[in-house]
């Protein structure tokens, strides 16, 4: 056995249907039909939520809106604070890395 035959034997047997890295990279650069469908669905659902809470179920004022009616539980507030902290930290790290 030569070194070439050993390396050929160890390579996986990919089928012709498996896309290459370059093909996957090309597919990721553009939106397909399903991508547009999911994007449109998310856009419409966010629009309906905004219309519902903006026009149908109006809040009683700015103070009520900013504090969430003072009836939020611990878990949603904690998750919001954690997400805010992580987002700010990641943004700071990305900005500091690009300025080096």
PDB file of N, CA and C in Angstrom:
ATOM      1  N   UNK A   1       0.839  -1.190   0.000  1.00  0.00           N
ATOM      2  CA  UNK A   1       0.000   0.000   0.000  1.00  0.00           C
ATOM      3  C   UNK A   1       0.874   1.239   0.000  1.00  0.00           C
ATOM      4  N   UNK A   2       0.529   2.152  -0.845  1.00  0.00           N
ATOM      5  CA  UNK A   2       1.267   3.404  -0.893  1.00  0.00           C
ATOM      6  C   UNK A   2       0.547   4.446  -0.060  1.00  0.00           C
ATOM      7  N   UNK A   3       1.195   5.571   0.146  1.00  0.00           N
ATOM      8  CA  UNK A   3       0.595   6.648   0.938  1.00  0.00           C
ATOM      9  C   UNK A   3      -0.623   7.216   0.244  1.00  0.00           C
ATOM     10  N   UNK A   4      -0.598   7.216  -1.091  1.00  0.00           N
ATOM     11  CA  UNK A   4      -1.750   7.750  -1.818  1.00  0.00           C
ATOM     12  C   UNK A   4      -2.972   6.863  -1.669  1.00  0.00           C
ATOM     13  N   UNK A   5      -2.801   5.570  -1.697  1.00  0.00           N
ATOM     14  CA  UNK A   5      -3.955   4.685  -1.569  1.00  0.00           C
ATOM     15  C   UNK A   5      -4.534   4.734  -0.158  1.00  0.00           C
ATOM     16  N   UNK A   6      -3.690   4.956   0.846  1.00  0.00           N
ATOM     17  CA  UNK A   6      -4.192   5.070   2.217  1.00  0.00           C
ATOM     18  C   UNK A   6      -5.026   6.333   2.372  1.00  0.00           C
ATOM     19  N   UNK A   7      -4.548   7.449   1.843  1.00  0.00           N
ATOM     20  CA  UNK A   7      -5.301   8.693   1.980  1.00  0.00           C
ATOM     21  C   UNK A   7      -6.603   8.634   1.192  1.00  0.00           C
ATOM     22  N   UNK A   8      -6.618   7.924   0.068  1.00  0.00           N
ATOM     23  CA  UNK A   8      -7.852   7.789  -0.701  1.00  0.00           C
ATOM     24  C   UNK A   8      -8.859   6.925   0.031  1.00  0.00           C
ATOM     25  N   UNK A   9      -8.393   5.913   0.748  1.00  0.00           N
ATOM     26  CA  UNK A   9      -9.302   5.033   1.470  1.00  0.00           C
ATOM     27  C   UNK A   9      -9.946   5.735   2.660  1.00  0.00           C
ATOM     28  N   UNK A  10      -9.264   6.680   3.261  1.00  0.00           N
ATOM     29  CA  UNK A  10      -9.778   7.349   4.450  1.00  0.00           C
ATOM     30  C   UNK A  10     -10.726   8.490   4.138  1.00  0.00           C
ATOM     31  N   UNK A  11     -10.778   8.933   2.919  1.00  0.00           N
ATOM     32  CA  UNK A  11     -11.687  10.024   2.570  1.00  0.00           C
ATOM     33  C   UNK A  11     -13.115   9.509   2.571  1.00  0.00           C
ATOM     34  N   UNK A  12     -14.034  10.299   3.064  1.00  0.00           N
ATOM     35  CA  UNK A  12     -15.432   9.843   3.107  1.00  0.00           C
ATOM     36  C   UNK A  12     -15.994   9.706   1.708  1.00  0.00           C
ATOM     37  N   UNK A  13     -16.925   8.805   1.586  1.00  0.00           N
ATOM     38  CA  UNK A  13     -17.573   8.553   0.301  1.00  0.00           C
ATOM     39  C   UNK A  13     -18.800   9.456   0.180  1.00  0.00           C
ATOM     40  N   UNK A  14     -18.606  10.679  -0.324  1.00  0.00           N
ATOM     41  CA  UNK A  14     -19.693  11.639  -0.464  1.00  0.00           C
ATOM     42  C   UNK A  14     -20.501  11.307  -1.698  1.00  0.00           C
ATOM     43  N   UNK A  15     -21.797  11.444  -1.585  1.00  0.00           N
ATOM     44  CA  UNK A  15     -22.644  11.241  -2.758  1.00  0.00           C
ATOM     45  C   UNK A  15     -22.612  12.493  -3.621  1.00  0.00           C
ATOM     46  N   UNK A  16     -23.077  12.382  -4.812  1.00  0.00           N
ATOM     47  CA  UNK A  16     -23.088  13.514  -5.735  1.00  0.00           C
ATOM     48  C   UNK A  16     -24.122  14.561  -5.319  1.00  0.00           C
ATOM     49  N   UNK A  17     -25.094  14.196  -4.474  1.00  0.00           N
ATOM     50  CA  UNK A  17     -26.140  15.132  -4.045  1.00  0.00           C
ATOM     51  C   UNK A  17     -25.679  16.067  -2.934  1.00  0.00           C
ATOM     52  N   UNK A  18     -24.583  15.761  -2.279  1.00  0.00           N
ATOM     53  CA  UNK A  18     -24.095  16.586  -1.182  1.00  0.00           C
ATOM     54  C   UNK A  18     -23.439  17.844  -1.740  1.00  0.00           C
ATOM     55  N   UNK A  19     -23.909  19.035  -1.334  1.00  0.00           N
ATOM     56  CA  UNK A  19     -23.320  20.270  -1.866  1.00  0.00           C
ATOM     57  C   UNK A  19     -21.923  20.514  -1.303  1.00  0.00           C
ATOM     58  N   UNK A  20     -21.124  21.175  -2.069  1.00  0.00           N
ATOM     59  CA  UNK A  20     -19.784  21.536  -1.617  1.00  0.00           C
ATOM     60  C   UNK A  20     -19.863  22.798  -0.759  1.00  0.00           C
ATOM     61  N   UNK A  21     -18.761  23.156  -0.144  1.00  0.00           N
ATOM     62  CA  UNK A  21     -18.709  24.354   0.691  1.00  0.00           C
ATOM     63  C   UNK A  21     -18.974  25.593  -0.153  1.00  0.00           C
ATOM     64  N   UNK A  22     -18.440  25.628  -1.359  1.00  0.00           N
ATOM     65  CA  UNK A  22     -18.648  26.776  -2.237  1.00  0.00           C
ATOM     66  C   UNK A  22     -20.118  26.895  -2.638  1.00  0.00           C
ATOM     67  N   UNK A  23     -20.777  25.768  -2.908  1.00  0.00           N
ATOM     68  CA  UNK A  23     -22.195  25.805  -3.272  1.00  0.00           C
ATOM     69  C   UNK A  23     -23.052  26.284  -2.103  1.00  0.00           C
ATOM     70  N   UNK A  24     -22.738  25.833  -0.906  1.00  0.00           N
ATOM     71  CA  UNK A  24     -23.482  26.281   0.279  1.00  0.00           C
ATOM     72  C   UNK A  24     -23.252  27.769   0.509  1.00  0.00           C
ATOM     73  N   UNK A  25     -22.022  28.217   0.307  1.00  0.00           N
ATOM     74  CA  UNK A  25     -21.713  29.639   0.459  1.00  0.00           C
ATOM     75  C   UNK A  25     -22.506  30.475  -0.531  1.00  0.00           C
ATOM     76  N   UNK A  26     -22.624  30.021  -1.755  1.00  0.00           N
ATOM     77  CA  UNK A  26     -23.419  30.742  -2.758  1.00  0.00           C
ATOM     78  C   UNK A  26     -24.895  30.760  -2.379  1.00  0.00           C
ATOM     79  N   UNK A  27     -25.407  29.655  -1.851  1.00  0.00           N
ATOM     80  CA  UNK A  27     -26.810  29.598  -1.458  1.00  0.00           C
ATOM     81  C   UNK A  27     -27.098  30.539  -0.290  1.00  0.00           C
ATOM     82  N   UNK A  28     -26.136  30.726   0.596  1.00  0.00           N
ATOM     83  CA  UNK A  28     -26.328  31.571   1.763  1.00  0.00           C
ATOM     84  C   UNK A  28     -26.276  33.054   1.420  1.00  0.00           C
ATOM     85  N   UNK A  29     -25.801  33.409   0.244  1.00  0.00           N
ATOM     86  CA  UNK A  29     -25.682  34.813  -0.139  1.00  0.00           C
ATOM     87  C   UNK A  29     -26.966  35.399  -0.694  1.00  0.00           C
ATOM     88  N   UNK A  30     -27.960  34.589  -0.959  1.00  0.00           N
ATOM     89  CA  UNK A  30     -29.201  35.112  -1.533  1.00  0.00           C
ATOM     90  C   UNK A  30     -30.402  34.478  -0.843  1.00  0.00           C
ATOM     91  N   UNK A  31     -31.514  35.198  -0.866  1.00  0.00           N
ATOM     92  CA  UNK A  31     -32.756  34.708  -0.292  1.00  0.00           C
ATOM     93  C   UNK A  31     -33.432  33.768  -1.277  1.00  0.00           C
ATOM     94  N   UNK A  32     -33.972  32.685  -0.767  1.00  0.00           N
ATOM     95  CA  UNK A  32     -34.782  31.780  -1.562  1.00  0.00           C
ATOM     96  C   UNK A  32     -36.253  32.045  -1.287  1.00  0.00           C
ATOM     97  N   UNK A  33     -37.102  31.214  -1.863  1.00  0.00           N
ATOM     98  CA  UNK A  33     -38.543  31.390  -1.703  1.00  0.00           C
ATOM     99  C   UNK A  33     -38.952  31.254  -0.233  1.00  0.00           C
ATOM    100  N   UNK A  34     -38.420  30.250   0.469  1.00  0.00           N
ATOM    101  CA  UNK A  34     -38.786  30.033   1.860  1.00  0.00           C
ATOM    102  C   UNK A  34     -38.274  31.152   2.754  1.00  0.00           C
ATOM    103  N   UNK A  35     -37.128  31.695   2.426  1.00  0.00           N
ATOM    104  CA  UNK A  35     -36.597  32.812   3.206  1.00  0.00           C
ATOM    105  C   UNK A  35     -37.515  34.025   3.104  1.00  0.00           C
ATOM    106  N   UNK A  36     -37.961  34.332   1.887  1.00  0.00           N
ATOM    107  CA  UNK A  36     -38.893  35.444   1.699  1.00  0.00           C
ATOM    108  C   UNK A  36     -40.223  35.179   2.397  1.00  0.00           C
ATOM    109  N   UNK A  37     -40.689  33.925   2.375  1.00  0.00           N
ATOM    110  CA  UNK A  37     -41.958  33.595   3.027  1.00  0.00           C
ATOM    111  C   UNK A  37     -41.866  33.797   4.537  1.00  0.00           C
ATOM    112  N   UNK A  38     -40.783  33.329   5.151  1.00  0.00           N
ATOM    113  CA  UNK A  38     -40.613  33.494   6.598  1.00  0.00           C
ATOM    114  C   UNK A  38     -40.449  34.968   6.938  1.00  0.00           C
ATOM    115  N   UNK A  39     -39.668  35.700   6.140  1.00  0.00           N
ATOM    116  CA  UNK A  39     -39.474  37.130   6.375  1.00  0.00           C
ATOM    117  C   UNK A  39     -40.804  37.878   6.290  1.00  0.00           C
ATOM    118  N   UNK A  40     -41.607  37.577   5.277  1.00  0.00           N
ATOM    119  CA  UNK A  40     -42.909  38.245   5.125  1.00  0.00           C
ATOM    120  C   UNK A  40     -43.847  37.894   6.274  1.00  0.00           C
ATOM    121  N   UNK A  41     -43.838  36.630   6.694  1.00  0.00           N
ATOM    122  CA  UNK A  41     -44.687  36.213   7.807  1.00  0.00           C
ATOM    123  C   UNK A  41     -44.303  36.941   9.096  1.00  0.00           C
ATOM    124  N   UNK A  42     -43.007  37.051   9.368  1.00  0.00           N
ATOM    125  CA  UNK A  42     -42.548  37.763  10.559  1.00  0.00           C
ATOM    126  C   UNK A  42     -42.902  39.252  10.479  1.00  0.00           C
ATOM    127  N   UNK A  43     -42.743  39.847   9.302  1.00  0.00           N
ATOM    128  CA  UNK A  43     -43.055  41.261   9.124  1.00  0.00           C
ATOM    129  C   UNK A  43     -44.541  41.527   9.335  1.00  0.00           C
ATOM    130  N   UNK A  44     -45.392  40.681   8.774  1.00  0.00           N
ATOM    131  CA  UNK A  44     -46.844  40.855   8.918  1.00  0.00           C
ATOM    132  C   UNK A  44     -47.269  40.627  10.367  1.00  0.00           C
ATOM    133  N   UNK A  45     -46.710  39.591  11.020  1.00  0.00           N
ATOM    134  CA  UNK A  45     -47.102  39.335  12.409  1.00  0.00           C
ATOM    135  C   UNK A  45     -46.663  40.473  13.330  1.00  0.00           C
ATOM    136  N   UNK A  46     -45.473  41.006  13.120  1.00  0.00           N
ATOM    137  CA  UNK A  46     -45.029  42.158  13.923  1.00  0.00           C
ATOM    138  C   UNK A  46     -45.910  43.378  13.653  1.00  0.00           C
ATOM    139  N   UNK A  47     -46.318  43.559  12.410  1.00  0.00           N
ATOM    140  CA  UNK A  47     -47.220  44.661  12.067  1.00  0.00           C
ATOM    141  C   UNK A  47     -48.563  44.532  12.772  1.00  0.00           C
ATOM    142  N   UNK A  48     -49.115  43.307  12.785  1.00  0.00           N
ATOM    143  CA  UNK A  48     -50.392  43.099  13.469  1.00  0.00           C
ATOM    144  C   UNK A  48     -50.269  43.335  14.974  1.00  0.00           C
ATOM    145  N   UNK A  49     -49.173  42.907  15.565  1.00  0.00           N
ATOM    146  CA  UNK A  49     -48.972  43.145  16.999  1.00  0.00           C
ATOM    147  C   UNK A  49     -48.888  44.644  17.265  1.00  0.00           C
ATOM    148  N   UNK A  50     -48.163  45.366  16.420  1.00  0.00           N
ATOM    149  CA  UNK A  50     -48.064  46.817  16.583  1.00  0.00           C
ATOM    150  C   UNK A  50     -49.394  47.513  16.417  1.00  0.00           C
ATOM    151  N   UNK A  51     -50.180  47.106  15.422  1.00  0.00           N
ATOM    152  CA  UNK A  51     -51.508  47.695  15.202  1.00  0.00           C
ATOM    153  C   UNK A  51     -52.426  47.396  16.385  1.00  0.00           C
ATOM    154  N   UNK A  52     -52.373  46.161  16.881  1.00  0.00           N
ATOM    155  CA  UNK A  52     -53.236  45.785  17.999  1.00  0.00           C
ATOM    156  C   UNK A  52     -52.935  46.622  19.241  1.00  0.00           C
ATOM    157  N   UNK A  53     -51.665  46.673  19.622  1.00  0.00           N
ATOM    158  CA  UNK A  53     -51.322  47.406  20.834  1.00  0.00           C
ATOM    159  C   UNK A  53     -51.264  48.916  20.614  1.00  0.00           C
ATOM    160  N   UNK A  54     -51.152  49.373  19.372  1.00  0.00           N
ATOM    161  CA  UNK A  54     -51.085  50.804  19.111  1.00  0.00           C
ATOM    162  C   UNK A  54     -52.438  51.453  18.924  1.00  0.00           C
ATOM    163  N   UNK A  55     -53.374  50.731  18.317  1.00  0.00           N
ATOM    164  CA  UNK A  55     -54.668  51.335  18.001  1.00  0.00           C
ATOM    165  C   UNK A  55     -55.832  50.688  18.728  1.00  0.00           C
ATOM    166  N   UNK A  56     -55.812  49.401  18.929  1.00  0.00           N
ATOM    167  CA  UNK A  56     -56.961  48.715  19.518  1.00  0.00           C
ATOM    168  C   UNK A  56     -56.874  48.713  21.048  1.00  0.00           C
ATOM    169  N   UNK A  57     -55.764  48.261  21.596  1.00  0.00           N
ATOM    170  CA  UNK A  57     -55.596  48.205  23.048  1.00  0.00           C
ATOM    171  C   UNK A  57     -54.604  49.284  23.454  1.00  0.00           C
ATOM    172  N   UNK A  58     -55.098  50.476  23.609  1.00  0.00           N
ATOM    173  CA  UNK A  58     -54.226  51.600  23.935  1.00  0.00           C
ATOM    174  C   UNK A  58     -53.839  51.571  25.407  1.00  0.00           C
ATOM    175  N   UNK A  59     -52.614  51.994  25.678  1.00  0.00           N
ATOM    176  CA  UNK A  59     -52.173  52.079  27.068  1.00  0.00           C
ATOM    177  C   UNK A  59     -52.712  53.367  27.675  1.00  0.00           C
ATOM    178  N   UNK A  60     -52.646  53.427  28.993  1.00  0.00           N
ATOM    179  CA  UNK A  60     -53.232  54.582  29.670  1.00  0.00           C
ATOM    180  C   UNK A  60     -52.271  55.761  29.789  1.00  0.00           C
ATOM    181  N   UNK A  61     -51.044  55.621  29.325  1.00  0.00           N
ATOM    182  CA  UNK A  61     -50.113  56.735  29.368  1.00  0.00           C
ATOM    183  C   UNK A  61     -48.677  56.290  29.215  1.00  0.00           C
ATOM    184  N   UNK A  62     -47.809  57.285  29.139  1.00  0.00           N
ATOM    185  CA  UNK A  62     -46.391  56.983  28.936  1.00  0.00           C
ATOM    186  C   UNK A  62     -45.811  56.291  30.166  1.00  0.00           C
ATOM    187  N   UNK A  63     -46.170  56.740  31.346  1.00  0.00           N
ATOM    188  CA  UNK A  63     -45.653  56.121  32.566  1.00  0.00           C
ATOM    189  C   UNK A  63     -46.087  54.659  32.657  1.00  0.00           C
ATOM    190  N   UNK A  64     -47.306  54.379  32.278  1.00  0.00           N
ATOM    191  CA  UNK A  64     -47.810  53.008  32.274  1.00  0.00           C
ATOM    192  C   UNK A  64     -47.036  52.160  31.269  1.00  0.00           C
ATOM    193  N   UNK A  65     -46.731  52.718  30.124  1.00  0.00           N
ATOM    194  CA  UNK A  65     -46.002  52.004  29.074  1.00  0.00           C
ATOM    195  C   UNK A  65     -44.565  51.705  29.501  1.00  0.00           C
ATOM    196  N   UNK A  66     -43.894  52.665  30.090  1.00  0.00           N
ATOM    197  CA  UNK A  66     -42.479  52.509  30.436  1.00  0.00           C
ATOM    198  C   UNK A  66     -42.239  51.510  31.558  1.00  0.00           C
ATOM    199  N   UNK A  67     -43.142  51.365  32.470  1.00  0.00           N
ATOM    200  CA  UNK A  67     -42.948  50.438  33.586  1.00  0.00           C
ATOM    201  C   UNK A  67     -43.758  49.154  33.415  1.00  0.00           C
ATOM    202  N   UNK A  68     -44.428  48.973  32.305  1.00  0.00           N
ATOM    203  CA  UNK A  68     -45.163  47.741  32.050  1.00  0.00           C
ATOM    204  C   UNK A  68     -46.323  47.508  32.991  1.00  0.00           C
ATOM    205  N   UNK A  69     -46.932  48.563  33.454  1.00  0.00           N
ATOM    206  CA  UNK A  69     -48.071  48.430  34.347  1.00  0.00           C
ATOM    207  C   UNK A  69     -47.687  48.003  35.757  1.00  0.00           C
ATOM    208  N   UNK A  70     -46.421  47.949  36.038  1.00  0.00           N
ATOM    209  CA  UNK A  70     -45.881  47.551  37.335  1.00  0.00           C
ATOM    210  C   UNK A  70     -46.388  46.179  37.778  1.00  0.00           C
ATOM    211  N   UNK A  71     -46.630  45.306  36.827  1.00  0.00           N
ATOM    212  CA  UNK A  71     -47.087  43.965  37.193  1.00  0.00           C
ATOM    213  C   UNK A  71     -46.296  42.872  36.473  1.00  0.00           C
ATOM    214  N   UNK A  72     -45.071  43.180  36.070  1.00  0.00           N
ATOM    215  CA  UNK A  72     -44.243  42.171  35.419  1.00  0.00           C
ATOM    216  C   UNK A  72     -43.595  41.281  36.466  1.00  0.00           C
ATOM    217  N   UNK A  73     -43.475  40.014  36.131  1.00  0.00           N
ATOM    218  CA  UNK A  73     -42.867  39.047  37.040  1.00  0.00           C
ATOM    219  C   UNK A  73     -41.349  39.128  36.961  1.00  0.00           C
ATOM    220  N   UNK A  74     -40.676  38.381  37.811  1.00  0.00           N
ATOM    221  CA  UNK A  74     -39.225  38.414  37.917  1.00  0.00           C
ATOM    222  C   UNK A  74     -38.537  37.837  36.680  1.00  0.00           C
ATOM    223  N   UNK A  75     -39.044  36.738  36.146  1.00  0.00           N
ATOM    224  CA  UNK A  75     -38.384  36.068  35.021  1.00  0.00           C
ATOM    225  C   UNK A  75     -38.278  36.944  33.768  1.00  0.00           C
ATOM    226  N   UNK A  76     -39.370  37.579  33.285  1.00  0.00           N
ATOM    227  CA  UNK A  76     -39.213  38.411  32.095  1.00  0.00           C
ATOM    228  C   UNK A  76     -38.284  39.603  32.300  1.00  0.00           C
ATOM    229  N   UNK A  77     -38.321  40.183  33.485  1.00  0.00           N
ATOM    230  CA  UNK A  77     -37.438  41.317  33.770  1.00  0.00           C
ATOM    231  C   UNK A  77     -35.990  40.847  33.808  1.00  0.00           C
ATOM    232  N   UNK A  78     -35.740  39.705  34.429  1.00  0.00           N
ATOM    233  CA  UNK A  78     -34.379  39.165  34.495  1.00  0.00           C
ATOM    234  C   UNK A  78     -33.847  38.840  33.106  1.00  0.00           C
ATOM    235  N   UNK A  79     -34.658  38.183  32.279  1.00  0.00           N
ATOM    236  CA  UNK A  79     -34.229  37.844  30.921  1.00  0.00           C
ATOM    237  C   UNK A  79     -33.958  39.092  30.094  1.00  0.00           C
ATOM    238  N   UNK A  80     -34.767  40.106  30.273  1.00  0.00           N
ATOM    239  CA  UNK A  80     -34.552  41.358  29.554  1.00  0.00           C
ATOM    240  C   UNK A  80     -33.247  42.021  29.969  1.00  0.00           C
ATOM    241  N   UNK A  81     -32.972  42.040  31.271  1.00  0.00           N
ATOM    242  CA  UNK A  81     -31.724  42.628  31.746  1.00  0.00           C
ATOM    243  C   UNK A  81     -30.501  41.850  31.273  1.00  0.00           C
ATOM    244  N   UNK A  82     -30.586  40.523  31.276  1.00  0.00           N
ATOM    245  CA  UNK A  82     -29.472  39.698  30.796  1.00  0.00           C
ATOM    246  C   UNK A  82     -29.234  39.926  29.315  1.00  0.00           C
ATOM    247  N   UNK A  83     -30.309  39.958  28.513  1.00  0.00           N
ATOM    248  CA  UNK A  83     -30.170  40.178  27.076  1.00  0.00           C
ATOM    249  C   UNK A  83     -29.581  41.557  26.787  1.00  0.00           C
ATOM    250  N   UNK A  84     -29.989  42.552  27.545  1.00  0.00           N
ATOM    251  CA  UNK A  84     -29.445  43.893  27.365  1.00  0.00           C
ATOM    252  C   UNK A  84     -27.963  43.940  27.697  1.00  0.00           C
ATOM    253  N   UNK A  85     -27.572  43.292  28.790  1.00  0.00           N
ATOM    254  CA  UNK A  85     -26.171  43.264  29.186  1.00  0.00           C
ATOM    255  C   UNK A  85     -25.316  42.546  28.151  1.00  0.00           C
ATOM    256  N   UNK A  86     -25.778  41.369  27.690  1.00  0.00           N
ATOM    257  CA  UNK A  86     -25.018  40.602  26.702  1.00  0.00           C
ATOM    258  C   UNK A  86     -24.914  41.373  25.391  1.00  0.00           C
ATOM    259  N   UNK A  87     -25.998  41.989  24.959  1.00  0.00           N
ATOM    260  CA  UNK A  87     -25.981  42.748  23.712  1.00  0.00           C
ATOM    261  C   UNK A  87     -25.015  43.916  23.796  1.00  0.00           C
ATOM    262  N   UNK A  88     -25.033  44.637  24.895  1.00  0.00           N
ATOM    263  CA  UNK A  88     -24.108  45.755  25.061  1.00  0.00           C
ATOM    264  C   UNK A  88     -22.670  45.305  25.121  1.00  0.00           C
ATOM    265  N   UNK A  89     -22.422  44.191  25.806  1.00  0.00           N
ATOM    266  CA  UNK A  89     -21.062  43.671  25.908  1.00  0.00           C
ATOM    267  C   UNK A  89     -20.539  43.226  24.552  1.00  0.00           C
ATOM    268  N   UNK A  90     -21.358  42.499  23.809  1.00  0.00           N
ATOM    269  CA  UNK A  90     -20.939  42.024  22.490  1.00  0.00           C
ATOM    270  C   UNK A  90     -20.704  43.199  21.555  1.00  0.00           C
ATOM    271  N   UNK A  91     -21.572  44.193  21.597  1.00  0.00           N
ATOM    272  CA  UNK A  91     -21.382  45.371  20.751  1.00  0.00           C
ATOM    273  C   UNK A  91     -20.078  46.077  21.093  1.00  0.00           C
ATOM    274  N   UNK A  92     -19.780  46.199  22.381  1.00  0.00           N
ATOM    275  CA  UNK A  92     -18.536  46.842  22.802  1.00  0.00           C
ATOM    276  C   UNK A  92     -17.321  46.056  22.312  1.00  0.00           C
ATOM    277  N   UNK A  93     -17.374  44.731  22.426  1.00  0.00           N
ATOM    278  CA  UNK A  93     -16.249  43.886  21.997  1.00  0.00           C
ATOM    279  C   UNK A  93     -16.047  43.991  20.499  1.00  0.00           C
ATOM    280  N   UNK A  94     -17.126  43.965  19.724  1.00  0.00           N
ATOM    281  CA  UNK A  94     -17.017  44.039  18.266  1.00  0.00           C
ATOM    282  C   UNK A  94     -16.435  45.390  17.855  1.00  0.00           C
ATOM    283  N   UNK A  95     -16.910  46.459  18.471  1.00  0.00           N
ATOM    284  CA  UNK A  95     -16.406  47.794  18.120  1.00  0.00           C
ATOM    285  C   UNK A  95     -14.933  47.931  18.514  1.00  0.00           C
ATOM    286  N   UNK A  96     -14.569  47.406  19.676  1.00  0.00           N
ATOM    287  CA  UNK A  96     -13.171  47.524  20.105  1.00  0.00           C
ATOM    288  C   UNK A  96     -12.257  46.667  19.248  1.00  0.00           C
ATOM    289  N   UNK A  97     -12.730  45.548  18.735  1.00  0.00           N
ATOM    290  CA  UNK A  97     -11.902  44.684  17.880  1.00  0.00           C
ATOM    291  C   UNK A  97     -11.685  45.338  16.511  1.00  0.00           C
ATOM    292  N   UNK A  98     -12.691  46.026  15.998  1.00  0.00           N
ATOM    293  CA  UNK A  98     -12.553  46.627  14.664  1.00  0.00           C
ATOM    294  C   UNK A  98     -11.691  47.872  14.695  1.00  0.00           C
ATOM    295  N   UNK A  99     -11.529  48.495  15.838  1.00  0.00           N
ATOM    296  CA  UNK A  99     -10.704  49.697  15.904  1.00  0.00           C
ATOM    297  C   UNK A  99      -9.239  49.399  16.188  1.00  0.00           C
ATOM    298  N   UNK A 100      -8.914  48.144  16.475  1.00  0.00           N
ATOM    299  CA  UNK A 100      -7.506  47.785  16.730  1.00  0.00           C
ATOM    300  C   UNK A 100      -6.663  47.837  15.495  1.00  0.00           C
TER     301      UNK A 100
END
